[in-house]
Amino acid sequence: MARRKVLTRAESQALTRESLVDAAESLLLANGYHATSIAAIANEAGRTIGAVYSNYSSKEELCLEVLRRRTSDEITHALIALAAADDDVDARFEAVSVWWRQLSSDTPLLLLAAEYGLTVLRDPDQRLKTVELVNNTFGSVRILVEDHLPPEAAQASFATLDRAARAITATSTGLAVMRVMGTVDEDESAGMLVDTMRMWMNRIVDETKQAV
């Protein structure tokens, strides 16, 4: 009979952290930020409250980890959708549209992000950590935009790409809020996001031509 592998301390901690994030994601999405307690997360993960605080300083930090993981997953999904699309601008925009329809219909995730965001507004330290996540998202969107520019815009400046990434992210955030509130439907939301992306793609092409 093979001997059971003994986990190192680092491996054990990694498993604990993963189980806590899994439990937190499940409860936070099902019940919302304010209705979910640290005790409930610990119980769901089969851990003690002490184990939670040994790995995460607060519910805010644990929630941020959930949002960080989901954001990374969604960006990966978008990249996969774009990679699978035909090498054609319209096909790529359609891939973005399909992906956005799915994401913007995930009401529990969007509500959690909104609840968390409002909660940390008065917490400077946690807000800084959140800003780091937002900036990383800007960076990912900027790379996404850059990778799918037409050849004539391949030499676009970093500043222009950065503005485009921030504008697209800001637009998608606003559309997500409007979608949750029911002020725009699925088709309108996807259409406005694609229109924003087309506008910035055209602007980048124009600015690149002018700079030559």
N, C-alpha and C. Protein backbone atom coordinates (compact mmCIF):
# COMPACT_ATOMS: atom_id res chain seq x y z
N MET A 1 0.85 -1.21 0.00
CA MET A 1 0.00 0.00 0.00
C MET A 1 0.87 1.24 0.00
N ALA A 2 0.62 2.13 -0.95
CA ALA A 2 1.45 3.34 -1.06
C ALA A 2 1.22 4.25 0.13
N ARG A 3 2.30 4.85 0.56
CA ARG A 3 2.20 5.78 1.67
C ARG A 3 1.57 7.09 1.21
N ARG A 4 0.70 7.62 2.03
CA ARG A 4 0.05 8.89 1.71
C ARG A 4 1.06 10.02 1.79
N LYS A 5 1.05 10.85 0.76
CA LYS A 5 2.00 11.96 0.72
C LYS A 5 1.68 12.96 1.83
N VAL A 6 2.71 13.36 2.54
CA VAL A 6 2.55 14.37 3.57
C VAL A 6 2.75 15.74 2.95
N LEU A 7 1.75 16.59 3.08
CA LEU A 7 1.84 17.92 2.49
C LEU A 7 2.79 18.81 3.24
N THR A 8 3.50 19.64 2.49
CA THR A 8 4.33 20.64 3.15
C THR A 8 3.43 21.71 3.75
N ARG A 9 4.01 22.54 4.58
CA ARG A 9 3.21 23.61 5.19
C ARG A 9 2.64 24.55 4.12
N ALA A 10 3.47 24.84 3.12
CA ALA A 10 3.03 25.73 2.05
C ALA A 10 1.90 25.10 1.25
N GLU A 11 1.99 23.81 0.97
CA GLU A 11 0.95 23.11 0.22
C GLU A 11 -0.35 23.06 1.02
N SER A 12 -0.22 22.80 2.32
CA SER A 12 -1.39 22.75 3.19
C SER A 12 -2.08 24.12 3.26
N GLN A 13 -1.28 25.17 3.36
CA GLN A 13 -1.86 26.51 3.42
C GLN A 13 -2.54 26.86 2.10
N ALA A 14 -1.93 26.45 1.00
CA ALA A 14 -2.52 26.73 -0.31
C ALA A 14 -3.88 26.04 -0.46
N LEU A 15 -3.98 24.82 0.03
CA LEU A 15 -5.24 24.10 -0.02
C LEU A 15 -6.29 24.76 0.87
N THR A 16 -5.85 25.23 2.02
CA THR A 16 -6.77 25.92 2.93
C THR A 16 -7.29 27.19 2.29
N ARG A 17 -6.39 27.98 1.71
CA ARG A 17 -6.79 29.23 1.08
C ARG A 17 -7.75 28.96 -0.08
N GLU A 18 -7.46 27.93 -0.86
CA GLU A 18 -8.33 27.62 -1.99
C GLU A 18 -9.72 27.20 -1.51
N SER A 19 -9.78 26.39 -0.46
CA SER A 19 -11.07 25.95 0.06
C SER A 19 -11.86 27.12 0.62
N LEU A 20 -11.17 28.08 1.23
CA LEU A 20 -11.85 29.26 1.77
C LEU A 20 -12.41 30.14 0.66
N VAL A 21 -11.63 30.31 -0.39
CA VAL A 21 -12.10 31.13 -1.52
C VAL A 21 -13.27 30.44 -2.21
N ASP A 22 -13.18 29.12 -2.37
CA ASP A 22 -14.30 28.38 -2.98
C ASP A 22 -15.57 28.56 -2.16
N ALA A 23 -15.44 28.41 -0.84
CA ALA A 23 -16.60 28.55 0.04
C ALA A 23 -17.14 29.97 0.01
N ALA A 24 -16.23 30.93 0.04
CA ALA A 24 -16.64 32.34 0.03
C ALA A 24 -17.36 32.66 -1.27
N GLU A 25 -16.85 32.19 -2.38
CA GLU A 25 -17.48 32.46 -3.68
C GLU A 25 -18.90 31.89 -3.71
N SER A 26 -19.05 30.67 -3.23
CA SER A 26 -20.36 30.03 -3.24
C SER A 26 -21.37 30.81 -2.40
N LEU A 27 -20.99 31.18 -1.19
CA LEU A 27 -21.92 31.86 -0.28
C LEU A 27 -22.15 33.32 -0.67
N LEU A 28 -21.08 34.01 -1.04
CA LEU A 28 -21.22 35.42 -1.40
C LEU A 28 -22.11 35.60 -2.62
N LEU A 29 -21.97 34.72 -3.60
CA LEU A 29 -22.80 34.83 -4.79
C LEU A 29 -24.25 34.43 -4.51
N ALA A 30 -24.42 33.46 -3.62
CA ALA A 30 -25.78 32.98 -3.32
C ALA A 30 -26.54 33.94 -2.41
N ASN A 31 -25.82 34.51 -1.43
CA ASN A 31 -26.51 35.29 -0.38
C ASN A 31 -26.19 36.77 -0.39
N GLY A 32 -25.14 37.17 -1.10
CA GLY A 32 -24.74 38.57 -1.09
C GLY A 32 -23.66 38.84 -0.05
N TYR A 33 -23.01 39.99 -0.20
CA TYR A 33 -21.88 40.33 0.66
C TYR A 33 -22.29 40.50 2.12
N HIS A 34 -23.29 41.32 2.37
CA HIS A 34 -23.63 41.67 3.75
C HIS A 34 -24.28 40.51 4.50
N ALA A 35 -24.94 39.61 3.81
CA ALA A 35 -25.62 38.49 4.47
C ALA A 35 -24.70 37.30 4.72
N THR A 36 -23.47 37.40 4.27
CA THR A 36 -22.51 36.29 4.44
C THR A 36 -21.50 36.64 5.53
N SER A 37 -21.37 35.78 6.51
CA SER A 37 -20.44 36.03 7.63
C SER A 37 -19.18 35.19 7.48
N ILE A 38 -18.16 35.60 8.18
CA ILE A 38 -16.92 34.83 8.22
C ILE A 38 -17.19 33.44 8.79
N ALA A 39 -18.04 33.37 9.82
CA ALA A 39 -18.37 32.08 10.43
C ALA A 39 -19.03 31.15 9.42
N ALA A 40 -19.91 31.69 8.59
CA ALA A 40 -20.58 30.87 7.58
C ALA A 40 -19.58 30.36 6.54
N ILE A 41 -18.64 31.21 6.16
CA ILE A 41 -17.62 30.81 5.18
C ILE A 41 -16.74 29.71 5.76
N ALA A 42 -16.34 29.88 7.02
CA ALA A 42 -15.51 28.87 7.68
C ALA A 42 -16.25 27.53 7.74
N ASN A 43 -17.52 27.58 8.10
CA ASN A 43 -18.32 26.36 8.21
C ASN A 43 -18.47 25.68 6.86
N GLU A 44 -18.72 26.47 5.81
CA GLU A 44 -18.87 25.93 4.47
C GLU A 44 -17.59 25.25 3.99
N ALA A 45 -16.45 25.82 4.38
CA ALA A 45 -15.16 25.28 3.96
C ALA A 45 -14.68 24.14 4.86
N GLY A 46 -15.38 23.92 5.97
CA GLY A 46 -14.95 22.90 6.92
C GLY A 46 -13.71 23.32 7.68
N ARG A 47 -13.59 24.64 7.90
CA ARG A 47 -12.43 25.20 8.61
C ARG A 47 -12.91 25.98 9.83
N THR A 48 -11.97 26.37 10.65
CA THR A 48 -12.30 27.18 11.81
C THR A 48 -12.26 28.67 11.44
N ILE A 49 -12.89 29.47 12.26
CA ILE A 49 -12.81 30.92 12.04
C ILE A 49 -11.36 31.37 12.16
N GLY A 50 -10.62 30.75 13.06
CA GLY A 50 -9.19 31.08 13.19
C GLY A 50 -8.43 30.81 11.91
N ALA A 51 -8.80 29.74 11.20
CA ALA A 51 -8.13 29.43 9.93
C ALA A 51 -8.40 30.51 8.90
N VAL A 52 -9.61 31.06 8.93
CA VAL A 52 -9.94 32.15 8.00
C VAL A 52 -9.04 33.34 8.26
N TYR A 53 -8.97 33.76 9.52
CA TYR A 53 -8.19 34.95 9.85
C TYR A 53 -6.68 34.71 9.78
N SER A 54 -6.27 33.46 9.76
CA SER A 54 -4.84 33.16 9.58
C SER A 54 -4.42 33.37 8.13
N ASN A 55 -5.42 33.34 7.23
CA ASN A 55 -5.12 33.47 5.81
C ASN A 55 -5.62 34.77 5.20
N TYR A 56 -6.71 35.31 5.75
CA TYR A 56 -7.28 36.55 5.22
C TYR A 56 -7.64 37.45 6.40
N SER A 57 -7.23 38.69 6.30
CA SER A 57 -7.40 39.61 7.44
C SER A 57 -8.84 40.02 7.67
N SER A 58 -9.70 39.89 6.66
CA SER A 58 -11.07 40.36 6.79
C SER A 58 -11.94 39.74 5.71
N LYS A 59 -13.24 39.92 5.85
CA LYS A 59 -14.17 39.45 4.81
C LYS A 59 -13.93 40.23 3.53
N GLU A 60 -13.56 41.52 3.65
CA GLU A 60 -13.28 42.32 2.47
C GLU A 60 -12.13 41.73 1.66
N GLU A 61 -11.08 41.32 2.35
CA GLU A 61 -9.93 40.77 1.64
C GLU A 61 -10.30 39.44 0.97
N LEU A 62 -11.10 38.64 1.65
CA LEU A 62 -11.52 37.36 1.08
C LEU A 62 -12.44 37.58 -0.12
N CYS A 63 -13.33 38.55 -0.02
CA CYS A 63 -14.21 38.87 -1.15
C CYS A 63 -13.40 39.39 -2.33
N LEU A 64 -12.39 40.20 -2.06
CA LEU A 64 -11.55 40.71 -3.14
C LEU A 64 -10.86 39.56 -3.86
N GLU A 65 -10.45 38.56 -3.12
CA GLU A 65 -9.81 37.40 -3.74
C GLU A 65 -10.79 36.66 -4.64
N VAL A 66 -12.04 36.58 -4.21
CA VAL A 66 -13.08 35.97 -5.05
C VAL A 66 -13.23 36.77 -6.35
N LEU A 67 -13.33 38.09 -6.22
CA LEU A 67 -13.49 38.95 -7.40
C LEU A 67 -12.26 38.90 -8.29
N ARG A 68 -11.08 38.81 -7.69
CA ARG A 68 -9.85 38.73 -8.47
C ARG A 68 -9.85 37.45 -9.31
N ARG A 69 -10.24 36.36 -8.70
CA ARG A 69 -10.25 35.09 -9.42
C ARG A 69 -11.30 35.09 -10.53
N ARG A 70 -12.48 35.62 -10.23
CA ARG A 70 -13.53 35.66 -11.24
C ARG A 70 -13.15 36.59 -12.39
N THR A 71 -12.52 37.72 -12.08
CA THR A 71 -12.08 38.64 -13.13
C THR A 71 -11.08 37.97 -14.05
N SER A 72 -10.12 37.26 -13.46
CA SER A 72 -9.12 36.54 -14.25
C SER A 72 -9.78 35.49 -15.14
N ASP A 73 -10.75 34.78 -14.58
CA ASP A 73 -11.45 33.75 -15.35
C ASP A 73 -12.20 34.37 -16.52
N GLU A 74 -12.87 35.50 -16.28
CA GLU A 74 -13.66 36.12 -17.34
C GLU A 74 -12.78 36.66 -18.46
N ILE A 75 -11.64 37.23 -18.10
CA ILE A 75 -10.71 37.71 -19.12
C ILE A 75 -10.20 36.54 -19.96
N THR A 76 -9.92 35.43 -19.29
CA THR A 76 -9.48 34.22 -20.01
C THR A 76 -10.56 33.74 -20.97
N HIS A 77 -11.82 33.76 -20.51
CA HIS A 77 -12.93 33.35 -21.38
C HIS A 77 -13.03 34.26 -22.60
N ALA A 78 -12.83 35.56 -22.39
CA ALA A 78 -12.89 36.50 -23.51
C ALA A 78 -11.77 36.22 -24.51
N LEU A 79 -10.59 35.96 -24.01
CA LEU A 79 -9.45 35.68 -24.89
C LEU A 79 -9.67 34.39 -25.68
N ILE A 80 -10.24 33.38 -25.02
CA ILE A 80 -10.52 32.11 -25.71
C ILE A 80 -11.56 32.32 -26.80
N ALA A 81 -12.59 33.11 -26.48
CA ALA A 81 -13.64 33.40 -27.47
C ALA A 81 -13.07 34.13 -28.68
N LEU A 82 -12.19 35.09 -28.43
CA LEU A 82 -11.58 35.84 -29.51
C LEU A 82 -10.65 34.96 -30.34
N ALA A 83 -9.91 34.09 -29.67
CA ALA A 83 -8.98 33.21 -30.38
C ALA A 83 -9.73 32.22 -31.28
N ALA A 84 -10.95 31.86 -30.85
CA ALA A 84 -11.74 30.90 -31.62
C ALA A 84 -12.49 31.55 -32.78
N ALA A 85 -12.58 32.88 -32.76
CA ALA A 85 -13.31 33.59 -33.80
C ALA A 85 -12.50 33.62 -35.10
N ASP A 86 -13.21 33.78 -36.20
CA ASP A 86 -12.51 33.92 -37.49
C ASP A 86 -11.63 35.16 -37.45
N ASP A 87 -10.60 35.15 -38.29
CA ASP A 87 -9.66 36.28 -38.34
C ASP A 87 -10.29 37.44 -39.09
N ASP A 88 -11.34 37.98 -38.50
CA ASP A 88 -12.13 39.02 -39.14
C ASP A 88 -12.65 39.93 -38.03
N VAL A 89 -12.62 41.24 -38.26
CA VAL A 89 -13.00 42.20 -37.22
C VAL A 89 -14.43 41.98 -36.75
N ASP A 90 -15.35 41.79 -37.68
CA ASP A 90 -16.76 41.61 -37.31
C ASP A 90 -16.96 40.32 -36.51
N ALA A 91 -16.23 39.27 -36.88
CA ALA A 91 -16.34 38.01 -36.15
C ALA A 91 -15.83 38.16 -34.72
N ARG A 92 -14.77 38.94 -34.57
CA ARG A 92 -14.23 39.16 -33.24
C ARG A 92 -15.19 39.98 -32.37
N PHE A 93 -15.80 40.99 -32.98
CA PHE A 93 -16.77 41.77 -32.23
C PHE A 93 -17.98 40.92 -31.84
N GLU A 94 -18.37 40.02 -32.71
CA GLU A 94 -19.49 39.12 -32.38
C GLU A 94 -19.11 38.20 -31.22
N ALA A 95 -17.86 37.76 -31.20
CA ALA A 95 -17.39 36.92 -30.09
C ALA A 95 -17.44 37.70 -28.78
N VAL A 96 -17.05 38.97 -28.83
CA VAL A 96 -17.12 39.82 -27.64
C VAL A 96 -18.57 39.99 -27.21
N SER A 97 -19.45 40.18 -28.17
CA SER A 97 -20.87 40.36 -27.88
C SER A 97 -21.46 39.16 -27.17
N VAL A 98 -21.15 37.96 -27.67
CA VAL A 98 -21.66 36.73 -27.05
C VAL A 98 -21.12 36.59 -25.64
N TRP A 99 -19.81 36.82 -25.48
CA TRP A 99 -19.19 36.74 -24.15
C TRP A 99 -19.82 37.74 -23.18
N TRP A 100 -20.03 38.97 -23.65
CA TRP A 100 -20.59 40.01 -22.77
C TRP A 100 -22.02 39.70 -22.37
N ARG A 101 -22.79 39.15 -23.29
CA ARG A 101 -24.17 38.77 -22.96
C ARG A 101 -24.19 37.81 -21.77
N GLN A 102 -23.27 36.86 -21.77
CA GLN A 102 -23.21 35.89 -20.68
C GLN A 102 -22.77 36.55 -19.38
N LEU A 103 -21.72 37.34 -19.46
CA LEU A 103 -21.20 37.97 -18.24
C LEU A 103 -22.19 38.97 -17.66
N SER A 104 -22.78 39.80 -18.50
CA SER A 104 -23.67 40.84 -17.99
C SER A 104 -25.00 40.27 -17.49
N SER A 105 -25.24 38.99 -17.76
CA SER A 105 -26.44 38.33 -17.23
C SER A 105 -26.17 37.64 -15.90
N ASP A 106 -24.92 37.67 -15.46
CA ASP A 106 -24.55 37.04 -14.18
C ASP A 106 -24.85 38.03 -13.05
N THR A 107 -26.12 38.18 -12.74
CA THR A 107 -26.56 39.17 -11.74
C THR A 107 -25.92 38.97 -10.38
N PRO A 108 -25.81 37.76 -9.84
CA PRO A 108 -25.18 37.60 -8.52
C PRO A 108 -23.75 38.14 -8.47
N LEU A 109 -22.97 37.90 -9.53
CA LEU A 109 -21.60 38.40 -9.56
C LEU A 109 -21.57 39.92 -9.62
N LEU A 110 -22.41 40.51 -10.44
CA LEU A 110 -22.43 41.97 -10.58
C LEU A 110 -22.90 42.64 -9.30
N LEU A 111 -23.89 42.05 -8.63
CA LEU A 111 -24.36 42.59 -7.37
C LEU A 111 -23.28 42.49 -6.29
N LEU A 112 -22.56 41.38 -6.27
CA LEU A 112 -21.49 41.22 -5.30
C LEU A 112 -20.41 42.27 -5.50
N ALA A 113 -20.02 42.50 -6.75
CA ALA A 113 -19.01 43.51 -7.04
C ALA A 113 -19.47 44.89 -6.59
N ALA A 114 -20.75 45.19 -6.80
CA ALA A 114 -21.30 46.49 -6.39
C ALA A 114 -21.32 46.62 -4.87
N GLU A 115 -21.77 45.59 -4.18
CA GLU A 115 -21.82 45.61 -2.71
C GLU A 115 -20.42 45.79 -2.14
N TYR A 116 -19.49 45.03 -2.67
CA TYR A 116 -18.11 45.12 -2.19
C TYR A 116 -17.55 46.52 -2.44
N GLY A 117 -17.76 47.04 -3.64
CA GLY A 117 -17.22 48.35 -3.99
C GLY A 117 -17.71 49.44 -3.07
N LEU A 118 -18.99 49.44 -2.75
CA LEU A 118 -19.55 50.45 -1.85
C LEU A 118 -19.01 50.28 -0.44
N THR A 119 -18.78 49.04 -0.03
CA THR A 119 -18.30 48.76 1.33
C THR A 119 -16.90 49.31 1.56
N VAL A 120 -16.03 49.21 0.57
CA VAL A 120 -14.62 49.58 0.78
C VAL A 120 -14.33 51.06 0.49
N LEU A 121 -15.33 51.81 0.10
CA LEU A 121 -15.10 53.22 -0.21
C LEU A 121 -14.53 53.99 0.98
N ARG A 122 -14.92 53.61 2.19
CA ARG A 122 -14.45 54.30 3.38
C ARG A 122 -13.26 53.60 4.04
N ASP A 123 -12.69 52.63 3.35
CA ASP A 123 -11.54 51.89 3.88
C ASP A 123 -10.35 52.13 2.95
N PRO A 124 -9.50 53.11 3.27
CA PRO A 124 -8.40 53.47 2.35
C PRO A 124 -7.49 52.30 1.99
N ASP A 125 -7.14 51.47 2.97
CA ASP A 125 -6.22 50.37 2.70
C ASP A 125 -6.84 49.35 1.74
N GLN A 126 -8.07 48.97 2.02
CA GLN A 126 -8.72 47.99 1.16
C GLN A 126 -9.02 48.58 -0.21
N ARG A 127 -9.29 49.88 -0.24
CA ARG A 127 -9.56 50.53 -1.51
C ARG A 127 -8.32 50.50 -2.40
N LEU A 128 -7.15 50.68 -1.80
CA LEU A 128 -5.91 50.62 -2.57
C LEU A 128 -5.71 49.23 -3.18
N LYS A 129 -6.03 48.20 -2.40
CA LYS A 129 -5.91 46.83 -2.92
C LYS A 129 -6.89 46.62 -4.08
N THR A 130 -8.05 47.23 -3.97
CA THR A 130 -9.05 47.11 -5.03
C THR A 130 -8.61 47.85 -6.27
N VAL A 131 -8.01 49.00 -6.09
CA VAL A 131 -7.49 49.78 -7.21
C VAL A 131 -6.43 48.97 -7.97
N GLU A 132 -5.64 48.20 -7.23
CA GLU A 132 -4.64 47.35 -7.87
C GLU A 132 -5.30 46.34 -8.80
N LEU A 133 -6.42 45.74 -8.36
CA LEU A 133 -7.15 44.80 -9.19
C LEU A 133 -7.70 45.51 -10.43
N VAL A 134 -8.25 46.70 -10.23
CA VAL A 134 -8.80 47.46 -11.37
C VAL A 134 -7.70 47.80 -12.37
N ASN A 135 -6.55 48.22 -11.87
CA ASN A 135 -5.43 48.55 -12.76
C ASN A 135 -4.95 47.32 -13.53
N ASN A 136 -4.94 46.18 -12.87
CA ASN A 136 -4.56 44.94 -13.56
C ASN A 136 -5.56 44.61 -14.66
N THR A 137 -6.83 44.91 -14.38
CA THR A 137 -7.87 44.68 -15.40
C THR A 137 -7.65 45.60 -16.59
N PHE A 138 -7.32 46.88 -16.31
CA PHE A 138 -6.99 47.81 -17.39
C PHE A 138 -5.88 47.23 -18.26
N GLY A 139 -4.85 46.71 -17.59
CA GLY A 139 -3.72 46.15 -18.32
C GLY A 139 -4.12 44.99 -19.21
N SER A 140 -4.99 44.12 -18.70
CA SER A 140 -5.44 42.97 -19.49
C SER A 140 -6.27 43.42 -20.68
N VAL A 141 -7.14 44.40 -20.47
CA VAL A 141 -7.96 44.92 -21.58
C VAL A 141 -7.07 45.60 -22.61
N ARG A 142 -6.05 46.32 -22.14
CA ARG A 142 -5.12 46.98 -23.07
C ARG A 142 -4.41 45.95 -23.95
N ILE A 143 -3.97 44.86 -23.37
CA ILE A 143 -3.32 43.81 -24.15
C ILE A 143 -4.29 43.20 -25.14
N LEU A 144 -5.53 43.00 -24.68
CA LEU A 144 -6.56 42.43 -25.55
C LEU A 144 -6.79 43.33 -26.76
N VAL A 145 -6.89 44.64 -26.50
CA VAL A 145 -7.09 45.60 -27.60
C VAL A 145 -5.90 45.58 -28.54
N GLU A 146 -4.72 45.63 -27.98
CA GLU A 146 -3.50 45.68 -28.79
C GLU A 146 -3.36 44.43 -29.67
N ASP A 147 -3.70 43.27 -29.11
CA ASP A 147 -3.55 42.02 -29.86
C ASP A 147 -4.52 41.90 -31.02
N HIS A 148 -5.58 42.70 -31.01
CA HIS A 148 -6.59 42.57 -32.05
C HIS A 148 -6.75 43.82 -32.91
N LEU A 149 -5.72 44.67 -32.87
CA LEU A 149 -5.71 45.84 -33.73
C LEU A 149 -5.43 45.44 -35.18
N PRO A 150 -5.97 46.16 -36.14
CA PRO A 150 -5.63 45.90 -37.55
C PRO A 150 -4.16 46.25 -37.79
N PRO A 151 -3.54 45.70 -38.83
CA PRO A 151 -2.10 45.92 -39.09
C PRO A 151 -1.72 47.39 -39.17
N GLU A 152 -2.60 48.22 -39.69
CA GLU A 152 -2.25 49.63 -39.87
C GLU A 152 -2.16 50.39 -38.54
N ALA A 153 -2.59 49.75 -37.45
CA ALA A 153 -2.53 50.41 -36.14
C ALA A 153 -1.56 49.71 -35.20
N ALA A 154 -0.69 48.89 -35.76
CA ALA A 154 0.21 48.08 -34.93
C ALA A 154 1.17 48.92 -34.10
N GLN A 155 1.44 50.17 -34.53
CA GLN A 155 2.39 51.01 -33.82
C GLN A 155 1.70 52.06 -32.94
N ALA A 156 0.50 51.76 -32.51
CA ALA A 156 -0.23 52.69 -31.65
C ALA A 156 0.53 52.95 -30.36
N SER A 157 0.43 54.16 -29.86
CA SER A 157 1.16 54.53 -28.65
C SER A 157 0.55 53.88 -27.42
N PHE A 158 1.38 53.72 -26.41
CA PHE A 158 0.91 53.14 -25.15
C PHE A 158 -0.18 54.02 -24.54
N ALA A 159 -0.01 55.34 -24.63
CA ALA A 159 -0.98 56.26 -24.03
C ALA A 159 -2.36 56.10 -24.66
N THR A 160 -2.39 55.95 -25.99
CA THR A 160 -3.67 55.77 -26.68
C THR A 160 -4.31 54.44 -26.31
N LEU A 161 -3.51 53.39 -26.27
CA LEU A 161 -4.02 52.08 -25.89
C LEU A 161 -4.54 52.09 -24.46
N ASP A 162 -3.85 52.81 -23.59
CA ASP A 162 -4.26 52.88 -22.19
C ASP A 162 -5.61 53.61 -22.06
N ARG A 163 -5.77 54.71 -22.80
CA ARG A 163 -7.05 55.43 -22.78
C ARG A 163 -8.18 54.54 -23.29
N ALA A 164 -7.89 53.79 -24.33
CA ALA A 164 -8.90 52.90 -24.90
C ALA A 164 -9.31 51.83 -23.88
N ALA A 165 -8.32 51.25 -23.22
CA ALA A 165 -8.61 50.21 -22.24
C ALA A 165 -9.44 50.74 -21.08
N ARG A 166 -9.09 51.93 -20.62
CA ARG A 166 -9.84 52.53 -19.51
C ARG A 166 -11.27 52.90 -19.93
N ALA A 167 -11.41 53.42 -21.12
CA ALA A 167 -12.74 53.80 -21.61
C ALA A 167 -13.63 52.57 -21.81
N ILE A 168 -13.07 51.52 -22.38
CA ILE A 168 -13.84 50.30 -22.60
C ILE A 168 -14.23 49.66 -21.27
N THR A 169 -13.29 49.64 -20.32
CA THR A 169 -13.60 49.06 -19.00
C THR A 169 -14.65 49.89 -18.27
N ALA A 170 -14.52 51.21 -18.35
CA ALA A 170 -15.50 52.09 -17.69
C ALA A 170 -16.88 51.91 -18.32
N THR A 171 -16.92 51.81 -19.64
CA THR A 171 -18.20 51.61 -20.33
C THR A 171 -18.84 50.29 -19.92
N SER A 172 -18.03 49.24 -19.88
CA SER A 172 -18.58 47.92 -19.51
C SER A 172 -19.07 47.92 -18.07
N THR A 173 -18.37 48.66 -17.19
CA THR A 173 -18.82 48.74 -15.80
C THR A 173 -20.17 49.43 -15.70
N GLY A 174 -20.29 50.55 -16.39
CA GLY A 174 -21.57 51.27 -16.39
C GLY A 174 -22.69 50.44 -16.99
N LEU A 175 -22.40 49.73 -18.07
CA LEU A 175 -23.42 48.89 -18.71
C LEU A 175 -23.83 47.74 -17.80
N ALA A 176 -22.86 47.21 -17.04
CA ALA A 176 -23.19 46.13 -16.11
C ALA A 176 -24.17 46.61 -15.05
N VAL A 177 -23.92 47.82 -14.53
CA VAL A 177 -24.84 48.40 -13.54
C VAL A 177 -26.22 48.60 -14.14
N MET A 178 -26.27 49.15 -15.34
CA MET A 178 -27.54 49.39 -16.01
C MET A 178 -28.27 48.08 -16.30
N ARG A 179 -27.51 47.05 -16.63
CA ARG A 179 -28.10 45.74 -16.92
C ARG A 179 -28.75 45.17 -15.66
N VAL A 180 -28.06 45.26 -14.53
CA VAL A 180 -28.61 44.76 -13.27
C VAL A 180 -29.87 45.52 -12.88
N MET A 181 -29.85 46.84 -13.11
CA MET A 181 -31.00 47.67 -12.77
C MET A 181 -32.17 47.49 -13.73
N GLY A 182 -31.90 46.89 -14.88
CA GLY A 182 -32.95 46.66 -15.86
C GLY A 182 -33.20 47.84 -16.77
N THR A 183 -32.26 48.80 -16.80
CA THR A 183 -32.45 49.98 -17.66
C THR A 183 -31.98 49.73 -19.10
N VAL A 184 -31.22 48.67 -19.32
CA VAL A 184 -30.89 48.22 -20.68
C VAL A 184 -31.05 46.71 -20.71
N ASP A 185 -31.41 46.19 -21.87
CA ASP A 185 -31.53 44.74 -21.97
C ASP A 185 -30.23 44.14 -22.50
N GLU A 186 -30.25 42.84 -22.67
CA GLU A 186 -29.04 42.10 -23.07
C GLU A 186 -28.50 42.59 -24.41
N ASP A 187 -29.39 42.75 -25.39
CA ASP A 187 -28.96 43.17 -26.73
C ASP A 187 -28.42 44.60 -26.73
N GLU A 188 -29.11 45.51 -26.02
CA GLU A 188 -28.66 46.90 -25.95
C GLU A 188 -27.29 46.99 -25.29
N SER A 189 -27.11 46.25 -24.20
CA SER A 189 -25.85 46.28 -23.48
C SER A 189 -24.70 45.80 -24.36
N ALA A 190 -24.90 44.66 -25.02
CA ALA A 190 -23.85 44.12 -25.90
C ALA A 190 -23.59 45.06 -27.06
N GLY A 191 -24.65 45.64 -27.63
CA GLY A 191 -24.49 46.54 -28.75
C GLY A 191 -23.70 47.78 -28.40
N MET A 192 -23.98 48.37 -27.23
CA MET A 192 -23.26 49.58 -26.81
C MET A 192 -21.80 49.29 -26.50
N LEU A 193 -21.52 48.12 -25.93
CA LEU A 193 -20.12 47.78 -25.66
C LEU A 193 -19.36 47.61 -26.97
N VAL A 194 -19.94 46.91 -27.92
CA VAL A 194 -19.28 46.72 -29.22
C VAL A 194 -19.11 48.05 -29.94
N ASP A 195 -20.12 48.92 -29.86
CA ASP A 195 -20.00 50.25 -30.48
C ASP A 195 -18.83 51.03 -29.89
N THR A 196 -18.67 50.95 -28.57
CA THR A 196 -17.56 51.63 -27.90
C THR A 196 -16.23 51.08 -28.37
N MET A 197 -16.14 49.76 -28.48
CA MET A 197 -14.90 49.15 -28.93
C MET A 197 -14.59 49.52 -30.39
N ARG A 198 -15.61 49.53 -31.24
CA ARG A 198 -15.40 49.93 -32.64
C ARG A 198 -14.90 51.37 -32.72
N MET A 199 -15.51 52.24 -31.92
CA MET A 199 -15.13 53.64 -31.92
C MET A 199 -13.66 53.80 -31.55
N TRP A 200 -13.22 53.07 -30.52
CA TRP A 200 -11.84 53.19 -30.10
C TRP A 200 -10.88 52.54 -31.09
N MET A 201 -11.28 51.46 -31.70
CA MET A 201 -10.43 50.85 -32.74
C MET A 201 -10.23 51.83 -33.89
N ASN A 202 -11.31 52.49 -34.32
CA ASN A 202 -11.21 53.47 -35.40
C ASN A 202 -10.35 54.66 -34.99
N ARG A 203 -10.51 55.09 -33.75
CA ARG A 203 -9.72 56.22 -33.27
C ARG A 203 -8.24 55.88 -33.21
N ILE A 204 -7.94 54.67 -32.78
CA ILE A 204 -6.54 54.25 -32.71
C ILE A 204 -5.93 54.21 -34.11
N VAL A 205 -6.69 53.69 -35.06
CA VAL A 205 -6.20 53.64 -36.45
C VAL A 205 -5.94 55.05 -36.96
N ASP A 206 -6.88 55.97 -36.73
CA ASP A 206 -6.74 57.34 -37.20
C ASP A 206 -5.53 58.03 -36.57
N GLU A 207 -5.36 57.87 -35.26
CA GLU A 207 -4.23 58.52 -34.58
C GLU A 207 -2.90 57.94 -35.04
N THR A 208 -2.88 56.64 -35.33
CA THR A 208 -1.64 56.02 -35.80
C THR A 208 -1.27 56.55 -37.18
N LYS A 209 -2.28 56.71 -38.05
CA LYS A 209 -2.02 57.24 -39.40
C LYS A 209 -1.50 58.67 -39.33
N GLN A 210 -2.07 59.48 -38.44
CA GLN A 210 -1.66 60.86 -38.30
C GLN A 210 -0.24 60.98 -37.77
N ALA A 211 0.17 60.00 -36.99
CA ALA A 211 1.50 60.05 -36.37
C ALA A 211 2.60 59.64 -37.33
N VAL A 212 2.21 58.97 -38.41
CA VAL A 212 3.22 58.50 -39.40
C VAL A 212 3.74 59.66 -40.23
